[in-house]
Amino acid sequence: MLVIGGTIAIGAAYAAAIALRTAPWWAPWLLVVGAAGASVGLFVMGAATRGPVSRPIAALLGALFIVLVVSFGAALALPAGEGPGGRLILGLPTRLAIVFYGIGFVPLIALPLAYALSFTEREAS
């Protein structure tokens, strides 16, 4: 359901931008929610190979959805115009650091944990 909803949100944002010849103010935010939803939906499909997802895995993936939305949203909300001499976070420009750490690094840690939890629960039952 998340994959379908996320894909529809992404498609609606693109359709609005194409139809109106400019992106309305809400289209990028719809992309934020759609991209996070579609990504987490794919993660859920990977973790739920047999039956429904357990509460710990659902909580982990729900938290991952929130982290993705906040990271995409923060990168989107930052003012344009970062240049040389701008603020760095752990050696990266602010917007890139948010995307790299929030959208790249956090799922890199969360996904193996979710899959390990799903395999451990199957072996125990």
PDB file of N, CA and C in Angstrom:
ATOM      1  N   MET A   1       0.810  -1.183   0.000  1.00  0.00           N
ATOM      2  CA  MET A   1       0.000   0.000   0.000  1.00  0.00           C
ATOM      3  C   MET A   1       0.866   1.265   0.000  1.00  0.00           C
ATOM      4  N   LEU A   2       1.981   1.234   0.757  1.00  0.00           N
ATOM      5  CA  LEU A   2       2.874   2.388   0.776  1.00  0.00           C
ATOM      6  C   LEU A   2       3.522   2.625  -0.583  1.00  0.00           C
ATOM      7  N   VAL A   3       3.872   1.555  -1.264  1.00  0.00           N
ATOM      8  CA  VAL A   3       4.505   1.707  -2.574  1.00  0.00           C
ATOM      9  C   VAL A   3       3.527   2.351  -3.550  1.00  0.00           C
ATOM     10  N   ILE A   4       2.292   1.876  -3.540  1.00  0.00           N
ATOM     11  CA  ILE A   4       1.285   2.430  -4.454  1.00  0.00           C
ATOM     12  C   ILE A   4       0.985   3.879  -4.096  1.00  0.00           C
ATOM     13  N   GLY A   5       0.773   4.159  -2.807  1.00  0.00           N
ATOM     14  CA  GLY A   5       0.491   5.526  -2.384  1.00  0.00           C
ATOM     15  C   GLY A   5       1.640   6.475  -2.688  1.00  0.00           C
ATOM     16  N   GLY A   6       2.862   6.033  -2.424  1.00  0.00           N
ATOM     17  CA  GLY A   6       4.033   6.857  -2.722  1.00  0.00           C
ATOM     18  C   GLY A   6       4.187   7.122  -4.201  1.00  0.00           C
ATOM     19  N   THR A   7       3.944   6.107  -5.013  1.00  0.00           N
ATOM     20  CA  THR A   7       4.048   6.269  -6.462  1.00  0.00           C
ATOM     21  C   THR A   7       2.974   7.220  -6.982  1.00  0.00           C
ATOM     22  N   ILE A   8       1.774   7.109  -6.450  1.00  0.00           N
ATOM     23  CA  ILE A   8       0.699   8.028  -6.850  1.00  0.00           C
ATOM     24  C   ILE A   8       1.053   9.460  -6.449  1.00  0.00           C
ATOM     25  N   ALA A   9       1.607   9.643  -5.252  1.00  0.00           N
ATOM     26  CA  ALA A   9       1.995  10.984  -4.809  1.00  0.00           C
ATOM     27  C   ALA A   9       3.076  11.570  -5.713  1.00  0.00           C
ATOM     28  N   ILE A  10       4.054  10.774  -6.057  1.00  0.00           N
ATOM     29  CA  ILE A  10       5.124  11.242  -6.945  1.00  0.00           C
ATOM     30  C   ILE A  10       4.548  11.585  -8.316  1.00  0.00           C
ATOM     31  N   GLY A  11       3.697  10.707  -8.837  1.00  0.00           N
ATOM     32  CA  GLY A  11       3.072  10.963 -10.132  1.00  0.00           C
ATOM     33  C   GLY A  11       2.206  12.216 -10.129  1.00  0.00           C
ATOM     34  N   ALA A  12       1.466  12.438  -9.037  1.00  0.00           N
ATOM     35  CA  ALA A  12       0.614  13.631  -8.943  1.00  0.00           C
ATOM     36  C   ALA A  12       1.460  14.898  -8.910  1.00  0.00           C
ATOM     37  N   ALA A  13       2.574  14.860  -8.221  1.00  0.00           N
ATOM     38  CA  ALA A  13       3.454  16.032  -8.177  1.00  0.00           C
ATOM     39  C   ALA A  13       4.015  16.339  -9.558  1.00  0.00           C
ATOM     40  N   TYR A  14       4.457  15.322 -10.271  1.00  0.00           N
ATOM     41  CA  TYR A  14       4.963  15.531 -11.624  1.00  0.00           C
ATOM     42  C   TYR A  14       3.845  15.977 -12.565  1.00  0.00           C
ATOM     43  N   ALA A  15       2.677  15.363 -12.459  1.00  0.00           N
ATOM     44  CA  ALA A  15       1.556  15.732 -13.329  1.00  0.00           C
ATOM     45  C   ALA A  15       1.145  17.189 -13.109  1.00  0.00           C
ATOM     46  N   ALA A  16       1.129  17.627 -11.859  1.00  0.00           N
ATOM     47  CA  ALA A  16       0.780  19.018 -11.579  1.00  0.00           C
ATOM     48  C   ALA A  16       1.815  19.966 -12.175  1.00  0.00           C
ATOM     49  N   ALA A  17       3.085  19.620 -12.051  1.00  0.00           N
ATOM     50  CA  ALA A  17       4.136  20.479 -12.604  1.00  0.00           C
ATOM     51  C   ALA A  17       4.066  20.537 -14.121  1.00  0.00           C
ATOM     52  N   ILE A  18       3.736  19.415 -14.762  1.00  0.00           N
ATOM     53  CA  ILE A  18       3.635  19.393 -16.218  1.00  0.00           C
ATOM     54  C   ILE A  18       2.386  20.135 -16.678  1.00  0.00           C
ATOM     55  N   ALA A  19       1.264  19.883 -16.022  1.00  0.00           N
ATOM     56  CA  ALA A  19       0.004  20.504 -16.429  1.00  0.00           C
ATOM     57  C   ALA A  19       0.012  22.014 -16.213  1.00  0.00           C
ATOM     58  N   LEU A  20       0.591  22.460 -15.130  1.00  0.00           N
ATOM     59  CA  LEU A  20       0.594  23.891 -14.803  1.00  0.00           C
ATOM     60  C   LEU A  20       1.809  24.623 -15.368  1.00  0.00           C
ATOM     61  N   ARG A  21       2.717  23.897 -15.980  1.00  0.00           N
ATOM     62  CA  ARG A  21       3.955  24.418 -16.562  1.00  0.00           C
ATOM     63  C   ARG A  21       4.902  25.030 -15.537  1.00  0.00           C
ATOM     64  N   THR A  22       4.569  24.894 -14.297  1.00  0.00           N
ATOM     65  CA  THR A  22       5.439  25.265 -13.191  1.00  0.00           C
ATOM     66  C   THR A  22       4.990  24.456 -11.978  1.00  0.00           C
ATOM     67  N   ALA A  23       5.917  24.159 -11.130  1.00  0.00           N
ATOM     68  CA  ALA A  23       5.568  23.336  -9.971  1.00  0.00           C
ATOM     69  C   ALA A  23       4.824  24.178  -8.944  1.00  0.00           C
ATOM     70  N   PRO A  24       3.614  23.749  -8.542  1.00  0.00           N
ATOM     71  CA  PRO A  24       2.941  24.464  -7.454  1.00  0.00           C
ATOM     72  C   PRO A  24       3.731  24.300  -6.153  1.00  0.00           C
ATOM     73  N   TRP A  25       3.454  25.136  -5.177  1.00  0.00           N
ATOM     74  CA  TRP A  25       4.224  25.120  -3.922  1.00  0.00           C
ATOM     75  C   TRP A  25       4.164  23.775  -3.222  1.00  0.00           C
ATOM     76  N   TRP A  26       3.080  23.018  -3.413  1.00  0.00           N
ATOM     77  CA  TRP A  26       2.897  21.764  -2.691  1.00  0.00           C
ATOM     78  C   TRP A  26       3.531  20.571  -3.402  1.00  0.00           C
ATOM     79  N   ALA A  27       3.884  20.703  -4.667  1.00  0.00           N
ATOM     80  CA  ALA A  27       4.403  19.563  -5.429  1.00  0.00           C
ATOM     81  C   ALA A  27       5.713  19.003  -4.854  1.00  0.00           C
ATOM     82  N   PRO A  28       6.694  19.830  -4.504  1.00  0.00           N
ATOM     83  CA  PRO A  28       7.914  19.254  -3.924  1.00  0.00           C
ATOM     84  C   PRO A  28       7.655  18.530  -2.602  1.00  0.00           C
ATOM     85  N   TRP A  29       6.709  19.050  -1.812  1.00  0.00           N
ATOM     86  CA  TRP A  29       6.401  18.404  -0.529  1.00  0.00           C
ATOM     87  C   TRP A  29       5.676  17.084  -0.746  1.00  0.00           C
ATOM     88  N   LEU A  30       4.869  17.010  -1.806  1.00  0.00           N
ATOM     89  CA  LEU A  30       4.226  15.744  -2.154  1.00  0.00           C
ATOM     90  C   LEU A  30       5.282  14.734  -2.608  1.00  0.00           C
ATOM     91  N   LEU A  31       6.306  15.220  -3.314  1.00  0.00           N
ATOM     92  CA  LEU A  31       7.426  14.347  -3.692  1.00  0.00           C
ATOM     93  C   LEU A  31       8.171  13.834  -2.461  1.00  0.00           C
ATOM     94  N   VAL A  32       8.344  14.679  -1.467  1.00  0.00           N
ATOM     95  CA  VAL A  32       9.024  14.273  -0.233  1.00  0.00           C
ATOM     96  C   VAL A  32       8.292  13.101   0.409  1.00  0.00           C
ATOM     97  N   VAL A  33       6.994  13.262   0.611  1.00  0.00           N
ATOM     98  CA  VAL A  33       6.202  12.206   1.253  1.00  0.00           C
ATOM     99  C   VAL A  33       6.121  10.972   0.354  1.00  0.00           C
ATOM    100  N   GLY A  34       5.954  11.182  -0.941  1.00  0.00           N
ATOM    101  CA  GLY A  34       5.859  10.054  -1.869  1.00  0.00           C
ATOM    102  C   GLY A  34       7.142   9.254  -1.951  1.00  0.00           C
ATOM    103  N   ALA A  35       8.276   9.920  -2.010  1.00  0.00           N
ATOM    104  CA  ALA A  35       9.561   9.213  -2.089  1.00  0.00           C
ATOM    105  C   ALA A  35       9.829   8.435  -0.804  1.00  0.00           C
ATOM    106  N   ALA A  36       9.551   9.053   0.335  1.00  0.00           N
ATOM    107  CA  ALA A  36       9.750   8.347   1.609  1.00  0.00           C
ATOM    108  C   ALA A  36       8.794   7.165   1.728  1.00  0.00           C
ATOM    109  N   GLY A  37       7.540   7.360   1.350  1.00  0.00           N
ATOM    110  CA  GLY A  37       6.552   6.282   1.436  1.00  0.00           C
ATOM    111  C   GLY A  37       6.872   5.120   0.513  1.00  0.00           C
ATOM    112  N   ALA A  38       7.255   5.422  -0.723  1.00  0.00           N
ATOM    113  CA  ALA A  38       7.588   4.353  -1.667  1.00  0.00           C
ATOM    114  C   ALA A  38       8.824   3.584  -1.206  1.00  0.00           C
ATOM    115  N   SER A  39       9.823   4.299  -0.692  1.00  0.00           N
ATOM    116  CA  SER A  39      11.040   3.630  -0.203  1.00  0.00           C
ATOM    117  C   SER A  39      10.731   2.705   0.969  1.00  0.00           C
ATOM    118  N   VAL A  40      10.018   3.224   1.952  1.00  0.00           N
ATOM    119  CA  VAL A  40       9.694   2.399   3.113  1.00  0.00           C
ATOM    120  C   VAL A  40       8.768   1.253   2.715  1.00  0.00           C
ATOM    121  N   GLY A  41       7.884   1.485   1.769  1.00  0.00           N
ATOM    122  CA  GLY A  41       7.024   0.409   1.278  1.00  0.00           C
ATOM    123  C   GLY A  41       7.828  -0.739   0.679  1.00  0.00           C
ATOM    124  N   LEU A  42       8.869  -0.408  -0.060  1.00  0.00           N
ATOM    125  CA  LEU A  42       9.737  -1.453  -0.605  1.00  0.00           C
ATOM    126  C   LEU A  42      10.492  -2.179   0.505  1.00  0.00           C
ATOM    127  N   PHE A  43      10.895  -1.439   1.534  1.00  0.00           N
ATOM    128  CA  PHE A  43      11.572  -2.068   2.663  1.00  0.00           C
ATOM    129  C   PHE A  43      10.631  -3.020   3.392  1.00  0.00           C
ATOM    130  N   VAL A  44       9.370  -2.619   3.532  1.00  0.00           N
ATOM    131  CA  VAL A  44       8.373  -3.476   4.185  1.00  0.00           C
ATOM    132  C   VAL A  44       8.179  -4.754   3.384  1.00  0.00           C
ATOM    133  N   MET A  45       8.126  -4.630   2.058  1.00  0.00           N
ATOM    134  CA  MET A  45       7.955  -5.813   1.219  1.00  0.00           C
ATOM    135  C   MET A  45       9.124  -6.780   1.384  1.00  0.00           C
ATOM    136  N   GLY A  46      10.322  -6.237   1.571  1.00  0.00           N
ATOM    137  CA  GLY A  46      11.485  -7.099   1.793  1.00  0.00           C
ATOM    138  C   GLY A  46      11.473  -7.757   3.157  1.00  0.00           C
ATOM    139  N   ALA A  47      10.970  -7.053   4.161  1.00  0.00           N
ATOM    140  CA  ALA A  47      10.973  -7.592   5.527  1.00  0.00           C
ATOM    141  C   ALA A  47       9.807  -8.537   5.767  1.00  0.00           C
ATOM    142  N   ALA A  48       8.739  -8.407   5.000  1.00  0.00           N
ATOM    143  CA  ALA A  48       7.535  -9.219   5.220  1.00  0.00           C
ATOM    144  C   ALA A  48       7.463 -10.332   4.193  1.00  0.00           C
ATOM    145  N   THR A  49       8.420 -11.240   4.232  1.00  0.00           N
ATOM    146  CA  THR A  49       8.406 -12.329   3.264  1.00  0.00           C
ATOM    147  C   THR A  49       7.370 -13.388   3.602  1.00  0.00           C
ATOM    148  N   ARG A  50       7.086 -13.548   4.892  1.00  0.00           N
ATOM    149  CA  ARG A  50       6.062 -14.518   5.317  1.00  0.00           C
ATOM    150  C   ARG A  50       5.144 -13.856   6.335  1.00  0.00           C
ATOM    151  N   GLY A  51       3.974 -13.513   5.921  1.00  0.00           N
ATOM    152  CA  GLY A  51       3.003 -12.955   6.855  1.00  0.00           C
ATOM    153  C   GLY A  51       3.250 -11.488   7.156  1.00  0.00           C
ATOM    154  N   PRO A  52       2.498 -10.978   8.121  1.00  0.00           N
ATOM    155  CA  PRO A  52       2.608  -9.550   8.440  1.00  0.00           C
ATOM    156  C   PRO A  52       3.915  -9.213   9.159  1.00  0.00           C
ATOM    157  N   VAL A  53       4.250  -7.936   9.125  1.00  0.00           N
ATOM    158  CA  VAL A  53       5.460  -7.444   9.779  1.00  0.00           C
ATOM    159  C   VAL A  53       5.188  -7.319  11.277  1.00  0.00           C
ATOM    160  N   SER A  54       6.138  -7.736  12.092  1.00  0.00           N
ATOM    161  CA  SER A  54       5.972  -7.664  13.545  1.00  0.00           C
ATOM    162  C   SER A  54       6.066  -6.214  14.027  1.00  0.00           C
ATOM    163  N   ARG A  55       5.656  -6.002  15.276  1.00  0.00           N
ATOM    164  CA  ARG A  55       5.663  -4.644  15.838  1.00  0.00           C
ATOM    165  C   ARG A  55       7.054  -4.012  15.883  1.00  0.00           C
ATOM    166  N   PRO A  56       8.096  -4.725  16.319  1.00  0.00           N
ATOM    167  CA  PRO A  56       9.414  -4.072  16.344  1.00  0.00           C
ATOM    168  C   PRO A  56       9.889  -3.645  14.951  1.00  0.00           C
ATOM    169  N   ILE A  57       9.631  -4.481  13.962  1.00  0.00           N
ATOM    170  CA  ILE A  57      10.032  -4.128  12.600  1.00  0.00           C
ATOM    171  C   ILE A  57       9.183  -2.971  12.091  1.00  0.00           C
ATOM    172  N   ALA A  58       7.882  -3.003  12.378  1.00  0.00           N
ATOM    173  CA  ALA A  58       6.999  -1.908  11.956  1.00  0.00           C
ATOM    174  C   ALA A  58       7.420  -0.601  12.621  1.00  0.00           C
ATOM    175  N   ALA A  59       7.796  -0.649  13.888  1.00  0.00           N
ATOM    176  CA  ALA A  59       8.244   0.558  14.584  1.00  0.00           C
ATOM    177  C   ALA A  59       9.540   1.088  13.975  1.00  0.00           C
ATOM    178  N   LEU A  60      10.459   0.187  13.660  1.00  0.00           N
ATOM    179  CA  LEU A  60      11.719   0.587  13.048  1.00  0.00           C
ATOM    180  C   LEU A  60      11.483   1.229  11.682  1.00  0.00           C
ATOM    181  N   LEU A  61      10.634   0.606  10.876  1.00  0.00           N
ATOM    182  CA  LEU A  61      10.361   1.157   9.550  1.00  0.00           C
ATOM    183  C   LEU A  61       9.531   2.430   9.623  1.00  0.00           C
ATOM    184  N   GLY A  62       8.652   2.548  10.622  1.00  0.00           N
ATOM    185  CA  GLY A  62       7.918   3.796  10.824  1.00  0.00           C
ATOM    186  C   GLY A  62       8.850   4.938  11.199  1.00  0.00           C
ATOM    187  N   ALA A  63       9.812   4.650  12.068  1.00  0.00           N
ATOM    188  CA  ALA A  63      10.804   5.657  12.430  1.00  0.00           C
ATOM    189  C   ALA A  63      11.663   6.026  11.227  1.00  0.00           C
ATOM    190  N   LEU A  64      11.971   5.047  10.387  1.00  0.00           N
ATOM    191  CA  LEU A  64      12.738   5.313   9.179  1.00  0.00           C
ATOM    192  C   LEU A  64      11.950   6.224   8.238  1.00  0.00           C
ATOM    193  N   PHE A  65      10.644   6.013   8.124  1.00  0.00           N
ATOM    194  CA  PHE A  65       9.805   6.884   7.304  1.00  0.00           C
ATOM    195  C   PHE A  65       9.889   8.330   7.806  1.00  0.00           C
ATOM    196  N   ILE A  66       9.811   8.502   9.108  1.00  0.00           N
ATOM    197  CA  ILE A  66       9.880   9.849   9.687  1.00  0.00           C
ATOM    198  C   ILE A  66      11.242  10.479   9.413  1.00  0.00           C
ATOM    199  N   VAL A  67      12.314   9.701   9.577  1.00  0.00           N
ATOM    200  CA  VAL A  67      13.662  10.226   9.312  1.00  0.00           C
ATOM    201  C   VAL A  67      13.789  10.636   7.848  1.00  0.00           C
ATOM    202  N   LEU A  68      13.264   9.834   6.933  1.00  0.00           N
ATOM    203  CA  LEU A  68      13.344  10.169   5.517  1.00  0.00           C
ATOM    204  C   LEU A  68      12.557  11.431   5.194  1.00  0.00           C
ATOM    205  N   VAL A  69      11.348  11.546   5.723  1.00  0.00           N
ATOM    206  CA  VAL A  69      10.537  12.745   5.470  1.00  0.00           C
ATOM    207  C   VAL A  69      11.232  13.984   6.030  1.00  0.00           C
ATOM    208  N   VAL A  70      11.739  13.883   7.250  1.00  0.00           N
ATOM    209  CA  VAL A  70      12.425  15.027   7.865  1.00  0.00           C
ATOM    210  C   VAL A  70      13.690  15.376   7.079  1.00  0.00           C
ATOM    211  N   SER A  71      14.441  14.393   6.643  1.00  0.00           N
ATOM    212  CA  SER A  71      15.678  14.657   5.906  1.00  0.00           C
ATOM    213  C   SER A  71      15.389  15.279   4.545  1.00  0.00           C
ATOM    214  N   PHE A  72      14.475  14.674   3.780  1.00  0.00           N
ATOM    215  CA  PHE A  72      14.096  15.256   2.493  1.00  0.00           C
ATOM    216  C   PHE A  72      13.543  16.662   2.694  1.00  0.00           C
ATOM    217  N   GLY A  73      12.672  16.823   3.681  1.00  0.00           N
ATOM    218  CA  GLY A  73      12.051  18.116   3.934  1.00  0.00           C
ATOM    219  C   GLY A  73      13.050  19.171   4.363  1.00  0.00           C
ATOM    220  N   ALA A  74      13.997  18.806   5.214  1.00  0.00           N
ATOM    221  CA  ALA A  74      15.016  19.767   5.653  1.00  0.00           C
ATOM    222  C   ALA A  74      15.893  20.206   4.488  1.00  0.00           C
ATOM    223  N   ALA A  75      16.287  19.256   3.643  1.00  0.00           N
ATOM    224  CA  ALA A  75      17.097  19.612   2.481  1.00  0.00           C
ATOM    225  C   ALA A  75      16.308  20.511   1.525  1.00  0.00           C
ATOM    226  N   LEU A  76      15.025  20.259   1.399  1.00  0.00           N
ATOM    227  CA  LEU A  76      14.178  21.061   0.526  1.00  0.00           C
ATOM    228  C   LEU A  76      13.933  22.450   1.104  1.00  0.00           C
ATOM    229  N   ALA A  77      13.797  22.547   2.408  1.00  0.00           N
ATOM    230  CA  ALA A  77      13.445  23.815   3.048  1.00  0.00           C
ATOM    231  C   ALA A  77      14.631  24.767   3.196  1.00  0.00           C
ATOM    232  N   LEU A  78      15.848  24.258   3.102  1.00  0.00           N
ATOM    233  CA  LEU A  78      17.010  25.141   3.241  1.00  0.00           C
ATOM    234  C   LEU A  78      17.018  26.174   2.117  1.00  0.00           C
ATOM    235  N   PRO A  79      17.437  27.383   2.424  1.00  0.00           N
ATOM    236  CA  PRO A  79      17.487  28.402   1.371  1.00  0.00           C
ATOM    237  C   PRO A  79      18.530  28.048   0.315  1.00  0.00           C
ATOM    238  N   ALA A  80      18.237  28.403  -0.916  1.00  0.00           N
ATOM    239  CA  ALA A  80      19.159  28.140  -2.021  1.00  0.00           C
ATOM    240  C   ALA A  80      20.359  29.061  -1.906  1.00  0.00           C
ATOM    241  N   GLY A  81      21.417  28.697  -2.578  1.00  0.00           N
ATOM    242  CA  GLY A  81      22.561  29.583  -2.648  1.00  0.00           C
ATOM    243  C   GLY A  81      23.724  29.222  -1.750  1.00  0.00           C
ATOM    244  N   GLU A  82      23.877  27.968  -1.416  1.00  0.00           N
ATOM    245  CA  GLU A  82      25.075  27.579  -0.675  1.00  0.00           C
ATOM    246  C   GLU A  82      26.268  27.778  -1.597  1.00  0.00           C
ATOM    247  N   GLY A  83      27.304  28.310  -1.054  1.00  0.00           N
ATOM    248  CA  GLY A  83      28.487  28.549  -1.877  1.00  0.00           C
ATOM    249  C   GLY A  83      29.748  28.250  -1.111  1.00  0.00           C
ATOM    250  N   PRO A  84      30.871  28.607  -1.685  1.00  0.00           N
ATOM    251  CA  PRO A  84      32.140  28.391  -0.988  1.00  0.00           C
ATOM    252  C   PRO A  84      32.155  29.161   0.328  1.00  0.00           C
ATOM    253  N   GLY A  85      32.746  28.568   1.319  1.00  0.00           N
ATOM    254  CA  GLY A  85      32.813  29.206   2.622  1.00  0.00           C
ATOM    255  C   GLY A  85      31.560  29.015   3.452  1.00  0.00           C
ATOM    256  N   GLY A  86      30.614  28.221   2.944  1.00  0.00           N
ATOM    257  CA  GLY A  86      29.383  27.959   3.685  1.00  0.00           C
ATOM    258  C   GLY A  86      29.617  27.006   4.836  1.00  0.00           C
ATOM    259  N   ARG A  87      28.581  26.807   5.619  1.00  0.00           N
ATOM    260  CA  ARG A  87      28.657  25.933   6.800  1.00  0.00           C
ATOM    261  C   ARG A  87      28.843  24.474   6.376  1.00  0.00           C
ATOM    262  N   LEU A  88      29.716  23.775   7.081  1.00  0.00           N
ATOM    263  CA  LEU A  88      29.968  22.359   6.817  1.00  0.00           C
ATOM    264  C   LEU A  88      29.507  21.529   8.006  1.00  0.00           C
ATOM    265  N   ILE A  89      28.948  20.358   7.715  1.00  0.00           N
ATOM    266  CA  ILE A  89      28.577  19.387   8.743  1.00  0.00           C
ATOM    267  C   ILE A  89      29.371  18.123   8.460  1.00  0.00           C
ATOM    268  N   LEU A  90      30.287  17.804   9.357  1.00  0.00           N
ATOM    269  CA  LEU A  90      31.176  16.646   9.195  1.00  0.00           C
ATOM    270  C   LEU A  90      31.853  16.652   7.824  1.00  0.00           C
ATOM    271  N   GLY A  91      32.274  17.828   7.393  1.00  0.00           N
ATOM    272  CA  GLY A  91      33.030  17.968   6.155  1.00  0.00           C
ATOM    273  C   GLY A  91      32.205  18.132   4.896  1.00  0.00           C
ATOM    274  N   LEU A  92      30.887  18.124   4.995  1.00  0.00           N
ATOM    275  CA  LEU A  92      30.035  18.255   3.818  1.00  0.00           C
ATOM    276  C   LEU A  92      29.190  19.516   3.922  1.00  0.00           C
ATOM    277  N   PRO A  93      28.867  20.135   2.774  1.00  0.00           N
ATOM    278  CA  PRO A  93      27.932  21.262   2.812  1.00  0.00           C
ATOM    279  C   PRO A  93      26.614  20.820   3.450  1.00  0.00           C
ATOM    280  N   THR A  94      25.912  21.742   4.060  1.00  0.00           N
ATOM    281  CA  THR A  94      24.744  21.424   4.882  1.00  0.00           C
ATOM    282  C   THR A  94      23.712  20.564   4.153  1.00  0.00           C
ATOM    283  N   ARG A  95      23.278  20.996   2.980  1.00  0.00           N
ATOM    284  CA  ARG A  95      22.249  20.251   2.251  1.00  0.00           C
ATOM    285  C   ARG A  95      22.731  18.852   1.889  1.00  0.00           C
ATOM    286  N   LEU A  96      23.947  18.732   1.419  1.00  0.00           N
ATOM    287  CA  LEU A  96      24.495  17.420   1.072  1.00  0.00           C
ATOM    288  C   LEU A  96      24.635  16.540   2.308  1.00  0.00           C
ATOM    289  N   ALA A  97      25.033  17.126   3.435  1.00  0.00           N
ATOM    290  CA  ALA A  97      25.168  16.353   4.667  1.00  0.00           C
ATOM    291  C   ALA A  97      23.822  15.789   5.103  1.00  0.00           C
ATOM    292  N   ILE A  98      22.765  16.589   5.002  1.00  0.00           N
ATOM    293  CA  ILE A  98      21.433  16.112   5.368  1.00  0.00           C
ATOM    294  C   ILE A  98      21.018  14.947   4.478  1.00  0.00           C
ATOM    295  N   VAL A  99      21.218  15.092   3.193  1.00  0.00           N
ATOM    296  CA  VAL A  99      20.839  14.025   2.260  1.00  0.00           C
ATOM    297  C   VAL A  99      21.712  12.788   2.478  1.00  0.00           C
ATOM    298  N   PHE A 100      23.008  12.983   2.584  1.00  0.00           N
ATOM    299  CA  PHE A 100      23.919  11.848   2.709  1.00  0.00           C
ATOM    300  C   PHE A 100      23.691  11.070   3.996  1.00  0.00           C
ATOM    301  N   TYR A 101      23.630  11.787   5.106  1.00  0.00           N
ATOM    302  CA  TYR A 101      23.494  11.109   6.398  1.00  0.00           C
ATOM    303  C   TYR A 101      22.064  10.663   6.678  1.00  0.00           C
ATOM    304  N   GLY A 102      21.095  11.521   6.405  1.00  0.00           N
ATOM    305  CA  GLY A 102      19.705  11.194   6.733  1.00  0.00           C
ATOM    306  C   GLY A 102      19.064  10.212   5.783  1.00  0.00           C
ATOM    307  N   ILE A 103      19.358  10.355   4.490  1.00  0.00           N
ATOM    308  CA  ILE A 103      18.697   9.518   3.490  1.00  0.00           C
ATOM    309  C   ILE A 103      19.586   8.355   3.063  1.00  0.00           C
ATOM    310  N   GLY A 104      20.883   8.513   3.169  1.00  0.00           N
ATOM    311  CA  GLY A 104      21.784   7.447   2.767  1.00  0.00           C
ATOM    312  C   GLY A 104      22.271   6.585   3.909  1.00  0.00           C
ATOM    313  N   PHE A 105      22.746   7.212   4.976  1.00  0.00           N
ATOM    314  CA  PHE A 105      23.401   6.471   6.043  1.00  0.00           C
ATOM    315  C   PHE A 105      22.415   5.812   7.008  1.00  0.00           C
ATOM    316  N   VAL A 106      21.361   6.513   7.392  1.00  0.00           N
ATOM    317  CA  VAL A 106      20.403   5.944   8.352  1.00  0.00           C
ATOM    318  C   VAL A 106      19.753   4.665   7.806  1.00  0.00           C
ATOM    319  N   PRO A 107      19.249   4.649   6.557  1.00  0.00           N
ATOM    320  CA  PRO A 107      18.718   3.379   6.041  1.00  0.00           C
ATOM    321  C   PRO A 107      19.771   2.276   5.938  1.00  0.00           C
ATOM    322  N   LEU A 108      21.015   2.669   5.735  1.00  0.00           N
ATOM    323  CA  LEU A 108      22.093   1.688   5.664  1.00  0.00           C
ATOM    324  C   LEU A 108      22.247   0.941   6.982  1.00  0.00           C
ATOM    325  N   ILE A 109      21.920   1.593   8.084  1.00  0.00           N
ATOM    326  CA  ILE A 109      21.967   0.962   9.399  1.00  0.00           C
ATOM    327  C   ILE A 109      20.635   0.273   9.717  1.00  0.00           C
ATOM    328  N   ALA A 110      19.522   0.931   9.389  1.00  0.00           N
ATOM    329  CA  ALA A 110      18.196   0.434   9.784  1.00  0.00           C
ATOM    330  C   ALA A 110      17.776  -0.817   9.010  1.00  0.00           C
ATOM    331  N   LEU A 111      18.082  -0.885   7.733  1.00  0.00           N
ATOM    332  CA  LEU A 111      17.602  -2.020   6.932  1.00  0.00           C
ATOM    333  C   LEU A 111      18.202  -3.353   7.339  1.00  0.00           C
ATOM    334  N   PRO A 112      19.517  -3.454   7.507  1.00  0.00           N
ATOM    335  CA  PRO A 112      20.035  -4.742   7.974  1.00  0.00           C
ATOM    336  C   PRO A 112      19.476  -5.141   9.336  1.00  0.00           C
ATOM    337  N   LEU A 113      19.230  -4.148  10.193  1.00  0.00           N
ATOM    338  CA  LEU A 113      18.643  -4.435  11.492  1.00  0.00           C
ATOM    339  C   LEU A 113      17.221  -4.993  11.333  1.00  0.00           C
ATOM    340  N   ALA A 114      16.433  -4.397  10.439  1.00  0.00           N
ATOM    341  CA  ALA A 114      15.069  -4.882  10.206  1.00  0.00           C
ATOM    342  C   ALA A 114      15.085  -6.303   9.654  1.00  0.00           C
ATOM    343  N   TYR A 115      15.964  -6.568   8.710  1.00  0.00           N
ATOM    344  CA  TYR A 115      16.016  -7.908   8.133  1.00  0.00           C
ATOM    345  C   TYR A 115      16.539  -8.921   9.139  1.00  0.00           C
ATOM    346  N   ALA A 116      17.496  -8.525   9.961  1.00  0.00           N
ATOM    347  CA  ALA A 116      17.991  -9.437  11.004  1.00  0.00           C
ATOM    348  C   ALA A 116      16.881  -9.764  11.990  1.00  0.00           C
ATOM    349  N   LEU A 117      16.090  -8.766  12.373  1.00  0.00           N
ATOM    350  CA  LEU A 117      14.958  -9.023  13.264  1.00  0.00           C
ATOM    351  C   LEU A 117      13.949  -9.962  12.624  1.00  0.00           C
ATOM    352  N   SER A 118      13.697  -9.796  11.326  1.00  0.00           N
ATOM    353  CA  SER A 118      12.707 -10.657  10.677  1.00  0.00           C
ATOM    354  C   SER A 118      13.194 -12.096  10.593  1.00  0.00           C
ATOM    355  N   PHE A 119      14.475 -12.328  10.354  1.00  0.00           N
ATOM    356  CA  PHE A 119      14.980 -13.691  10.288  1.00  0.00           C
ATOM    357  C   PHE A 119      15.043 -14.326  11.669  1.00  0.00           C
ATOM    358  N   THR A 120      15.386 -13.545  12.685  1.00  0.00           N
ATOM    359  CA  THR A 120      15.451 -14.055  14.043  1.00  0.00           C
ATOM    360  C   THR A 120      14.064 -14.496  14.504  1.00  0.00           C
ATOM    361  N   GLU A 121      13.035 -13.720  14.176  1.00  0.00           N
ATOM    362  CA  GLU A 121      11.663 -14.087  14.594  1.00  0.00           C
ATOM    363  C   GLU A 121      11.193 -15.341  13.880  1.00  0.00           C
ATOM    364  N   ARG A 122      11.571 -15.520  12.630  1.00  0.00           N
ATOM    365  CA  ARG A 122      11.154 -16.726  11.907  1.00  0.00           C
ATOM    366  C   ARG A 122      11.804 -17.974  12.464  1.00  0.00           C
ATOM    367  N   GLU A 123      13.064 -17.862  12.840  1.00  0.00           N
ATOM    368  CA  GLU A 123      13.763 -19.015  13.383  1.00  0.00           C
ATOM    369  C   GLU A 123      13.225 -19.396  14.743  1.00  0.00           C
ATOM    370  N   ALA A 124      12.778 -18.402  15.523  1.00  0.00           N
ATOM    371  CA  ALA A 124      12.261 -18.675  16.867  1.00  0.00           C
ATOM    372  C   ALA A 124      10.897 -19.353  16.828  1.00  0.00           C
ATOM    373  N   SER A 125      10.134 -19.119  15.760  1.00  0.00           N
ATOM    374  CA  SER A 125       8.785 -19.708  15.708  1.00  0.00           C
ATOM    375  C   SER A 125       8.749 -21.033  15.001  1.00  0.00           C
TER     376      SER A 125
END
